[in-house]
């Protein structure tokens, strides 16, 4: 069994917390969703690109199925389809 980090966690580890905070403060979100932080939204979109997801429903289903691994990738909140639609 693999005991290393997932590919998503490795990709997101390349972008430090300070660097992301600096970029997020420079380019603020047009719409702020209370249930989905800026980093959670970014990590979700990276996941969608890496796994070739085509719809919000598909993204939500895959993230729900992989919930135990989300914490290690840095996604702390629950990702719902309505929050993604509002943030996008």
PDB file of N, CA and C in Angstrom:
ATOM      1  N   UNK A   1       0.835  -1.174   0.000  1.00  0.00           N
ATOM      2  CA  UNK A   1       0.000   0.000   0.000  1.00  0.00           C
ATOM      3  C   UNK A   1       0.883   1.241   0.000  1.00  0.00           C
ATOM      4  N   UNK A   2       0.481   2.237  -0.749  1.00  0.00           N
ATOM      5  CA  UNK A   2       1.247   3.468  -0.851  1.00  0.00           C
ATOM      6  C   UNK A   2       1.122   4.276   0.432  1.00  0.00           C
ATOM      7  N   UNK A   3       2.264   4.672   0.978  1.00  0.00           N
ATOM      8  CA  UNK A   3       2.235   5.481   2.197  1.00  0.00           C
ATOM      9  C   UNK A   3       2.679   6.912   1.926  1.00  0.00           C
ATOM     10  N   UNK A   4       2.901   7.251   0.658  1.00  0.00           N
ATOM     11  CA  UNK A   4       3.336   8.597   0.306  1.00  0.00           C
ATOM     12  C   UNK A   4       2.171   9.536   0.079  1.00  0.00           C
ATOM     13  N   UNK A   5       2.505  10.747  -0.337  1.00  0.00           N
ATOM     14  CA  UNK A   5       1.483  11.759  -0.604  1.00  0.00           C
ATOM     15  C   UNK A   5       0.832  11.512  -1.957  1.00  0.00           C
ATOM     16  N   UNK A   6      -0.405  11.962  -2.089  1.00  0.00           N
ATOM     17  CA  UNK A   6      -1.087  11.873  -3.375  1.00  0.00           C
ATOM     18  C   UNK A   6      -0.484  12.893  -4.334  1.00  0.00           C
ATOM     19  N   UNK A   7      -0.753  12.726  -5.616  1.00  0.00           N
ATOM     20  CA  UNK A   7      -0.241  13.653  -6.623  1.00  0.00           C
ATOM     21  C   UNK A   7      -0.794  15.053  -6.376  1.00  0.00           C
ATOM     22  N   UNK A   8      -2.062  15.131  -6.008  1.00  0.00           N
ATOM     23  CA  UNK A   8      -2.671  16.431  -5.725  1.00  0.00           C
ATOM     24  C   UNK A   8      -1.958  17.126  -4.570  1.00  0.00           C
ATOM     25  N   UNK A   9      -1.659  16.404  -3.509  1.00  0.00           N
ATOM     26  CA  UNK A   9      -0.956  16.994  -2.368  1.00  0.00           C
ATOM     27  C   UNK A   9       0.449  17.434  -2.757  1.00  0.00           C
ATOM     28  N   UNK A  10       1.116  16.682  -3.622  1.00  0.00           N
ATOM     29  CA  UNK A  10       2.456  17.054  -4.064  1.00  0.00           C
ATOM     30  C   UNK A  10       2.431  18.310  -4.918  1.00  0.00           C
ATOM     31  N   UNK A  11       1.437  18.434  -5.795  1.00  0.00           N
ATOM     32  CA  UNK A  11       1.323  19.626  -6.641  1.00  0.00           C
ATOM     33  C   UNK A  11       1.021  20.851  -5.788  1.00  0.00           C
ATOM     34  N   UNK A  12       0.101  20.708  -4.843  1.00  0.00           N
ATOM     35  CA  UNK A  12      -0.270  21.840  -3.999  1.00  0.00           C
ATOM     36  C   UNK A  12       0.829  22.210  -3.007  1.00  0.00           C
ATOM     37  N   UNK A  13       1.707  21.263  -2.669  1.00  0.00           N
ATOM     38  CA  UNK A  13       2.809  21.562  -1.758  1.00  0.00           C
ATOM     39  C   UNK A  13       3.822  22.506  -2.403  1.00  0.00           C
ATOM     40  N   UNK A  14       3.882  22.513  -3.725  1.00  0.00           N
ATOM     41  CA  UNK A  14       4.794  23.419  -4.415  1.00  0.00           C
ATOM     42  C   UNK A  14       4.417  24.878  -4.259  1.00  0.00           C
ATOM     43  N   UNK A  15       3.172  25.134  -3.949  1.00  0.00           N
ATOM     44  CA  UNK A  15       2.696  26.496  -3.727  1.00  0.00           C
ATOM     45  C   UNK A  15       2.539  26.692  -2.228  1.00  0.00           C
ATOM     46  N   UNK A  16       3.444  27.443  -1.643  1.00  0.00           N
ATOM     47  CA  UNK A  16       3.416  27.643  -0.198  1.00  0.00           C
ATOM     48  C   UNK A  16       2.226  28.466   0.261  1.00  0.00           C
ATOM     49  N   UNK A  17       1.941  28.383   1.542  1.00  0.00           N
ATOM     50  CA  UNK A  17       0.818  29.117   2.109  1.00  0.00           C
ATOM     51  C   UNK A  17       1.004  30.622   2.025  1.00  0.00           C
ATOM     52  N   UNK A  18       2.230  31.088   2.253  1.00  0.00           N
ATOM     53  CA  UNK A  18       2.494  32.531   2.182  1.00  0.00           C
ATOM     54  C   UNK A  18       2.336  33.044   0.756  1.00  0.00           C
ATOM     55  N   UNK A  19       2.806  32.268  -0.193  1.00  0.00           N
ATOM     56  CA  UNK A  19       2.704  32.672  -1.604  1.00  0.00           C
ATOM     57  C   UNK A  19       1.244  32.742  -2.044  1.00  0.00           C
ATOM     58  N   UNK A  20       0.456  31.757  -1.643  1.00  0.00           N
ATOM     59  CA  UNK A  20      -0.959  31.780  -2.008  1.00  0.00           C
ATOM     60  C   UNK A  20      -1.674  32.944  -1.336  1.00  0.00           C
ATOM     61  N   UNK A  21      -1.375  33.195  -0.078  1.00  0.00           N
ATOM     62  CA  UNK A  21      -2.006  34.317   0.633  1.00  0.00           C
ATOM     63  C   UNK A  21      -1.662  35.642  -0.024  1.00  0.00           C
ATOM     64  N   UNK A  22      -0.429  35.776  -0.474  1.00  0.00           N
ATOM     65  CA  UNK A  22      -0.013  37.010  -1.141  1.00  0.00           C
ATOM     66  C   UNK A  22      -0.773  37.195  -2.450  1.00  0.00           C
ATOM     67  N   UNK A  23      -0.909  36.136  -3.226  1.00  0.00           N
ATOM     68  CA  UNK A  23      -1.656  36.221  -4.488  1.00  0.00           C
ATOM     69  C   UNK A  23      -3.143  36.457  -4.241  1.00  0.00           C
ATOM     70  N   UNK A  24      -3.690  35.811  -3.227  1.00  0.00           N
ATOM     71  CA  UNK A  24      -5.116  35.967  -2.927  1.00  0.00           C
ATOM     72  C   UNK A  24      -5.429  37.378  -2.453  1.00  0.00           C
ATOM     73  N   UNK A  25      -4.502  37.994  -1.723  1.00  0.00           N
ATOM     74  CA  UNK A  25      -4.751  39.370  -1.278  1.00  0.00           C
ATOM     75  C   UNK A  25      -4.572  40.362  -2.423  1.00  0.00           C
ATOM     76  N   UNK A  26      -3.724  40.040  -3.366  1.00  0.00           N
ATOM     77  CA  UNK A  26      -3.519  40.926  -4.515  1.00  0.00           C
ATOM     78  C   UNK A  26      -4.699  40.878  -5.476  1.00  0.00           C
ATOM     79  N   UNK A  27      -5.261  39.688  -5.665  1.00  0.00           N
ATOM     80  CA  UNK A  27      -6.394  39.504  -6.573  1.00  0.00           C
ATOM     81  C   UNK A  27      -7.584  38.953  -5.788  1.00  0.00           C
ATOM     82  N   UNK A  28      -8.336  39.803  -5.114  1.00  0.00           N
ATOM     83  CA  UNK A  28      -9.443  39.299  -4.282  1.00  0.00           C
ATOM     84  C   UNK A  28     -10.569  38.717  -5.134  1.00  0.00           C
ATOM     85  N   UNK A  29     -11.343  37.847  -4.511  1.00  0.00           N
ATOM     86  CA  UNK A  29     -12.475  37.215  -5.193  1.00  0.00           C
ATOM     87  C   UNK A  29     -13.605  38.213  -5.384  1.00  0.00           C
ATOM     88  N   UNK A  30     -14.289  38.101  -6.510  1.00  0.00           N
ATOM     89  CA  UNK A  30     -15.464  38.935  -6.734  1.00  0.00           C
ATOM     90  C   UNK A  30     -16.592  38.529  -5.799  1.00  0.00           C
ATOM     91  N   UNK A  31     -16.713  37.234  -5.594  1.00  0.00           N
ATOM     92  CA  UNK A  31     -17.767  36.697  -4.728  1.00  0.00           C
ATOM     93  C   UNK A  31     -17.113  35.873  -3.635  1.00  0.00           C
ATOM     94  N   UNK A  32     -17.428  36.190  -2.421  1.00  0.00           N
ATOM     95  CA  UNK A  32     -16.870  35.458  -1.295  1.00  0.00           C
ATOM     96  C   UNK A  32     -17.917  34.491  -0.762  1.00  0.00           C
ATOM     97  N   UNK A  33     -17.600  33.209  -0.796  1.00  0.00           N
ATOM     98  CA  UNK A  33     -18.525  32.208  -0.269  1.00  0.00           C
ATOM     99  C   UNK A  33     -18.078  31.835   1.139  1.00  0.00           C
ATOM    100  N   UNK A  34     -18.957  31.898   2.118  1.00  0.00           N
ATOM    101  CA  UNK A  34     -18.556  31.595   3.492  1.00  0.00           C
ATOM    102  C   UNK A  34     -18.207  30.118   3.707  1.00  0.00           C
ATOM    103  N   UNK A  35     -18.771  29.233   2.931  1.00  0.00           N
ATOM    104  CA  UNK A  35     -18.531  27.804   3.133  1.00  0.00           C
ATOM    105  C   UNK A  35     -17.313  27.292   2.371  1.00  0.00           C
ATOM    106  N   UNK A  36     -16.743  28.103   1.488  1.00  0.00           N
ATOM    107  CA  UNK A  36     -15.629  27.655   0.657  1.00  0.00           C
ATOM    108  C   UNK A  36     -14.555  28.738   0.648  1.00  0.00           C
ATOM    109  N   UNK A  37     -13.403  28.426   1.223  1.00  0.00           N
ATOM    110  CA  UNK A  37     -12.325  29.415   1.266  1.00  0.00           C
ATOM    111  C   UNK A  37     -11.667  29.536  -0.107  1.00  0.00           C
ATOM    112  N   UNK A  38     -10.864  30.560  -0.263  1.00  0.00           N
ATOM    113  CA  UNK A  38     -10.178  30.777  -1.538  1.00  0.00           C
ATOM    114  C   UNK A  38      -9.230  29.617  -1.839  1.00  0.00           C
ATOM    115  N   UNK A  39      -8.536  29.120  -0.816  1.00  0.00           N
ATOM    116  CA  UNK A  39      -7.615  28.011  -1.037  1.00  0.00           C
ATOM    117  C   UNK A  39      -8.368  26.726  -1.381  1.00  0.00           C
ATOM    118  N   UNK A  40      -9.486  26.480  -0.707  1.00  0.00           N
ATOM    119  CA  UNK A  40     -10.291  25.296  -1.029  1.00  0.00           C
ATOM    120  C   UNK A  40     -10.793  25.358  -2.469  1.00  0.00           C
ATOM    121  N   UNK A  41     -11.194  26.544  -2.901  1.00  0.00           N
ATOM    122  CA  UNK A  41     -11.665  26.714  -4.279  1.00  0.00           C
ATOM    123  C   UNK A  41     -10.521  26.455  -5.263  1.00  0.00           C
ATOM    124  N   UNK A  42      -9.349  27.006  -4.969  1.00  0.00           N
ATOM    125  CA  UNK A  42      -8.185  26.797  -5.830  1.00  0.00           C
ATOM    126  C   UNK A  42      -7.809  25.316  -5.892  1.00  0.00           C
ATOM    127  N   UNK A  43      -7.744  24.664  -4.738  1.00  0.00           N
ATOM    128  CA  UNK A  43      -7.365  23.249  -4.697  1.00  0.00           C
ATOM    129  C   UNK A  43      -8.392  22.380  -5.417  1.00  0.00           C
ATOM    130  N   UNK A  44      -9.656  22.741  -5.314  1.00  0.00           N
ATOM    131  CA  UNK A  44     -10.706  22.002  -6.019  1.00  0.00           C
ATOM    132  C   UNK A  44     -10.555  22.145  -7.524  1.00  0.00           C
ATOM    133  N   UNK A  45     -10.237  23.334  -7.991  1.00  0.00           N
ATOM    134  CA  UNK A  45     -10.058  23.549  -9.426  1.00  0.00           C
ATOM    135  C   UNK A  45      -8.794  22.844  -9.938  1.00  0.00           C
ATOM    136  N   UNK A  46      -7.745  22.780  -9.114  1.00  0.00           N
ATOM    137  CA  UNK A  46      -6.550  22.017  -9.494  1.00  0.00           C
ATOM    138  C   UNK A  46      -6.903  20.536  -9.603  1.00  0.00           C
ATOM    139  N   UNK A  47      -7.662  20.031  -8.642  1.00  0.00           N
ATOM    140  CA  UNK A  47      -8.113  18.638  -8.687  1.00  0.00           C
ATOM    141  C   UNK A  47      -8.911  18.365  -9.959  1.00  0.00           C
ATOM    142  N   UNK A  48      -9.810  19.283 -10.298  1.00  0.00           N
ATOM    143  CA  UNK A  48     -10.646  19.100 -11.489  1.00  0.00           C
ATOM    144  C   UNK A  48      -9.800  19.055 -12.753  1.00  0.00           C
ATOM    145  N   UNK A  49      -8.769  19.889 -12.828  1.00  0.00           N
ATOM    146  CA  UNK A  49      -7.902  19.887 -14.001  1.00  0.00           C
ATOM    147  C   UNK A  49      -7.061  18.616 -14.079  1.00  0.00           C
ATOM    148  N   UNK A  50      -6.522  18.182 -12.944  1.00  0.00           N
ATOM    149  CA  UNK A  50      -5.665  16.994 -12.941  1.00  0.00           C
ATOM    150  C   UNK A  50      -6.426  15.711 -13.248  1.00  0.00           C
ATOM    151  N   UNK A  51      -7.699  15.671 -12.906  1.00  0.00           N
ATOM    152  CA  UNK A  51      -8.486  14.453 -13.097  1.00  0.00           C
ATOM    153  C   UNK A  51      -9.464  14.551 -14.265  1.00  0.00           C
ATOM    154  N   UNK A  52      -9.361  15.609 -15.049  1.00  0.00           N
ATOM    155  CA  UNK A  52     -10.181  15.790 -16.254  1.00  0.00           C
ATOM    156  C   UNK A  52     -11.686  15.758 -15.955  1.00  0.00           C
ATOM    157  N   UNK A  53     -12.088  16.431 -14.894  1.00  0.00           N
ATOM    158  CA  UNK A  53     -13.516  16.516 -14.566  1.00  0.00           C
ATOM    159  C   UNK A  53     -14.189  17.517 -15.487  1.00  0.00           C
ATOM    160  N   UNK A  54     -15.419  17.224 -15.895  1.00  0.00           N
ATOM    161  CA  UNK A  54     -16.103  18.039 -16.896  1.00  0.00           C
ATOM    162  C   UNK A  54     -17.286  18.824 -16.363  1.00  0.00           C
ATOM    163  N   UNK A  55     -17.749  18.533 -15.161  1.00  0.00           N
ATOM    164  CA  UNK A  55     -18.914  19.244 -14.638  1.00  0.00           C
ATOM    165  C   UNK A  55     -18.777  19.413 -13.130  1.00  0.00           C
ATOM    166  N   UNK A  56     -19.548  20.334 -12.589  1.00  0.00           N
ATOM    167  CA  UNK A  56     -19.533  20.556 -11.146  1.00  0.00           C
ATOM    168  C   UNK A  56     -20.057  19.334 -10.402  1.00  0.00           C
ATOM    169  N   UNK A  57     -21.031  18.673 -10.980  1.00  0.00           N
ATOM    170  CA  UNK A  57     -21.578  17.460 -10.365  1.00  0.00           C
ATOM    171  C   UNK A  57     -20.506  16.372 -10.313  1.00  0.00           C
ATOM    172  N   UNK A  58     -19.712  16.265 -11.361  1.00  0.00           N
ATOM    173  CA  UNK A  58     -18.635  15.283 -11.421  1.00  0.00           C
ATOM    174  C   UNK A  58     -17.554  15.610 -10.390  1.00  0.00           C
ATOM    175  N   UNK A  59     -17.204  16.882 -10.271  1.00  0.00           N
ATOM    176  CA  UNK A  59     -16.204  17.306  -9.285  1.00  0.00           C
ATOM    177  C   UNK A  59     -16.685  16.972  -7.877  1.00  0.00           C
ATOM    178  N   UNK A  60     -17.931  17.320  -7.587  1.00  0.00           N
ATOM    179  CA  UNK A  60     -18.479  17.067  -6.251  1.00  0.00           C
ATOM    180  C   UNK A  60     -18.507  15.574  -5.939  1.00  0.00           C
ATOM    181  N   UNK A  61     -18.908  14.754  -6.894  1.00  0.00           N
ATOM    182  CA  UNK A  61     -18.985  13.308  -6.670  1.00  0.00           C
ATOM    183  C   UNK A  61     -17.609  12.712  -6.394  1.00  0.00           C
ATOM    184  N   UNK A  62     -16.612  13.132  -7.149  1.00  0.00           N
ATOM    185  CA  UNK A  62     -15.266  12.595  -6.954  1.00  0.00           C
ATOM    186  C   UNK A  62     -14.658  13.051  -5.630  1.00  0.00           C
ATOM    187  N   UNK A  63     -14.882  14.311  -5.269  1.00  0.00           N
ATOM    188  CA  UNK A  63     -14.347  14.800  -4.000  1.00  0.00           C
ATOM    189  C   UNK A  63     -15.053  14.154  -2.813  1.00  0.00           C
ATOM    190  N   UNK A  64     -16.322  13.872  -2.945  1.00  0.00           N
ATOM    191  CA  UNK A  64     -17.055  13.202  -1.871  1.00  0.00           C
ATOM    192  C   UNK A  64     -16.556  11.768  -1.699  1.00  0.00           C
ATOM    193  N   UNK A  65     -16.239  11.112  -2.799  1.00  0.00           N
ATOM    194  CA  UNK A  65     -15.740   9.742  -2.731  1.00  0.00           C
ATOM    195  C   UNK A  65     -14.342   9.676  -2.128  1.00  0.00           C
ATOM    196  N   UNK A  66     -13.560  10.732  -2.284  1.00  0.00           N
ATOM    197  CA  UNK A  66     -12.178  10.755  -1.795  1.00  0.00           C
ATOM    198  C   UNK A  66     -12.015  11.609  -0.542  1.00  0.00           C
ATOM    199  N   UNK A  67     -13.073  11.766   0.247  1.00  0.00           N
ATOM    200  CA  UNK A  67     -13.068  12.665   1.400  1.00  0.00           C
ATOM    201  C   UNK A  67     -11.894  12.445   2.366  1.00  0.00           C
ATOM    202  N   UNK A  68     -11.484  11.215   2.702  1.00  0.00           N
ATOM    203  CA  UNK A  68     -10.366  11.057   3.645  1.00  0.00           C
ATOM    204  C   UNK A  68      -9.046  11.648   3.134  1.00  0.00           C
ATOM    205  N   UNK A  69      -8.870  11.712   1.826  1.00  0.00           N
ATOM    206  CA  UNK A  69      -7.622  12.237   1.279  1.00  0.00           C
ATOM    207  C   UNK A  69      -7.629  13.753   1.113  1.00  0.00           C
ATOM    208  N   UNK A  70      -8.789  14.381   1.221  1.00  0.00           N
ATOM    209  CA  UNK A  70      -8.875  15.825   1.011  1.00  0.00           C
ATOM    210  C   UNK A  70      -8.125  16.598   2.083  1.00  0.00           C
ATOM    211  N   UNK A  71      -8.167  16.125   3.306  1.00  0.00           N
ATOM    212  CA  UNK A  71      -7.489  16.822   4.398  1.00  0.00           C
ATOM    213  C   UNK A  71      -5.992  16.901   4.133  1.00  0.00           C
ATOM    214  N   UNK A  72      -5.415  15.833   3.628  1.00  0.00           N
ATOM    215  CA  UNK A  72      -3.981  15.807   3.361  1.00  0.00           C
ATOM    216  C   UNK A  72      -3.607  16.660   2.155  1.00  0.00           C
ATOM    217  N   UNK A  73      -4.567  16.915   1.285  1.00  0.00           N
ATOM    218  CA  UNK A  73      -4.323  17.783   0.136  1.00  0.00           C
ATOM    219  C   UNK A  73      -4.516  19.250   0.496  1.00  0.00           C
ATOM    220  N   UNK A  74      -5.054  19.526   1.673  1.00  0.00           N
ATOM    221  CA  UNK A  74      -5.228  20.904   2.105  1.00  0.00           C
ATOM    222  C   UNK A  74      -6.637  21.430   1.977  1.00  0.00           C
ATOM    223  N   UNK A  75      -7.565  20.613   1.517  1.00  0.00           N
ATOM    224  CA  UNK A  75      -8.956  21.047   1.383  1.00  0.00           C
ATOM    225  C   UNK A  75      -9.649  20.758   2.707  1.00  0.00           C
ATOM    226  N   UNK A  76      -9.957  21.810   3.453  1.00  0.00           N
ATOM    227  CA  UNK A  76     -10.511  21.649   4.799  1.00  0.00           C
ATOM    228  C   UNK A  76     -12.031  21.687   4.822  1.00  0.00           C
ATOM    229  N   UNK A  77     -12.643  22.471   3.956  1.00  0.00           N
ATOM    230  CA  UNK A  77     -14.100  22.611   3.962  1.00  0.00           C
ATOM    231  C   UNK A  77     -14.775  21.530   3.140  1.00  0.00           C
ATOM    232  N   UNK A  78     -16.094  21.515   3.206  1.00  0.00           N
ATOM    233  CA  UNK A  78     -16.863  20.598   2.374  1.00  0.00           C
ATOM    234  C   UNK A  78     -17.179  21.298   1.060  1.00  0.00           C
ATOM    235  N   UNK A  79     -16.893  20.629  -0.014  1.00  0.00           N
ATOM    236  CA  UNK A  79     -17.089  21.209  -1.341  1.00  0.00           C
ATOM    237  C   UNK A  79     -18.441  20.755  -1.874  1.00  0.00           C
ATOM    238  N   UNK A  80     -19.329  21.691  -2.040  1.00  0.00           N
ATOM    239  CA  UNK A  80     -20.665  21.418  -2.574  1.00  0.00           C
ATOM    240  C   UNK A  80     -20.809  22.069  -3.938  1.00  0.00           C
ATOM    241  N   UNK A  81     -21.678  21.511  -4.730  1.00  0.00           N
ATOM    242  CA  UNK A  81     -21.897  22.003  -6.092  1.00  0.00           C
ATOM    243  C   UNK A  81     -22.392  23.449  -6.098  1.00  0.00           C
ATOM    244  N   UNK A  82     -23.285  23.803  -5.189  1.00  0.00           N
ATOM    245  CA  UNK A  82     -23.817  25.175  -5.174  1.00  0.00           C
ATOM    246  C   UNK A  82     -22.732  26.179  -4.796  1.00  0.00           C
ATOM    247  N   UNK A  83     -21.811  25.796  -3.889  1.00  0.00           N
ATOM    248  CA  UNK A  83     -20.718  26.702  -3.527  1.00  0.00           C
ATOM    249  C   UNK A  83     -19.751  26.894  -4.686  1.00  0.00           C
ATOM    250  N   UNK A  84     -19.474  25.818  -5.418  1.00  0.00           N
ATOM    251  CA  UNK A  84     -18.596  25.935  -6.583  1.00  0.00           C
ATOM    252  C   UNK A  84     -19.229  26.800  -7.666  1.00  0.00           C
ATOM    253  N   UNK A  85     -20.509  26.614  -7.889  1.00  0.00           N
ATOM    254  CA  UNK A  85     -21.198  27.407  -8.907  1.00  0.00           C
ATOM    255  C   UNK A  85     -21.190  28.880  -8.533  1.00  0.00           C
ATOM    256  N   UNK A  86     -21.378  29.174  -7.256  1.00  0.00           N
ATOM    257  CA  UNK A  86     -21.392  30.568  -6.806  1.00  0.00           C
ATOM    258  C   UNK A  86     -19.995  31.183  -6.897  1.00  0.00           C
ATOM    259  N   UNK A  87     -18.961  30.409  -6.545  1.00  0.00           N
ATOM    260  CA  UNK A  87     -17.592  30.927  -6.560  1.00  0.00           C
ATOM    261  C   UNK A  87     -17.059  31.098  -7.980  1.00  0.00           C
ATOM    262  N   UNK A  88     -17.523  30.267  -8.898  1.00  0.00           N
ATOM    263  CA  UNK A  88     -17.040  30.378 -10.271  1.00  0.00           C
ATOM    264  C   UNK A  88     -17.760  31.492 -10.966  1.00  0.00           C
TER     265      UNK A  88
END
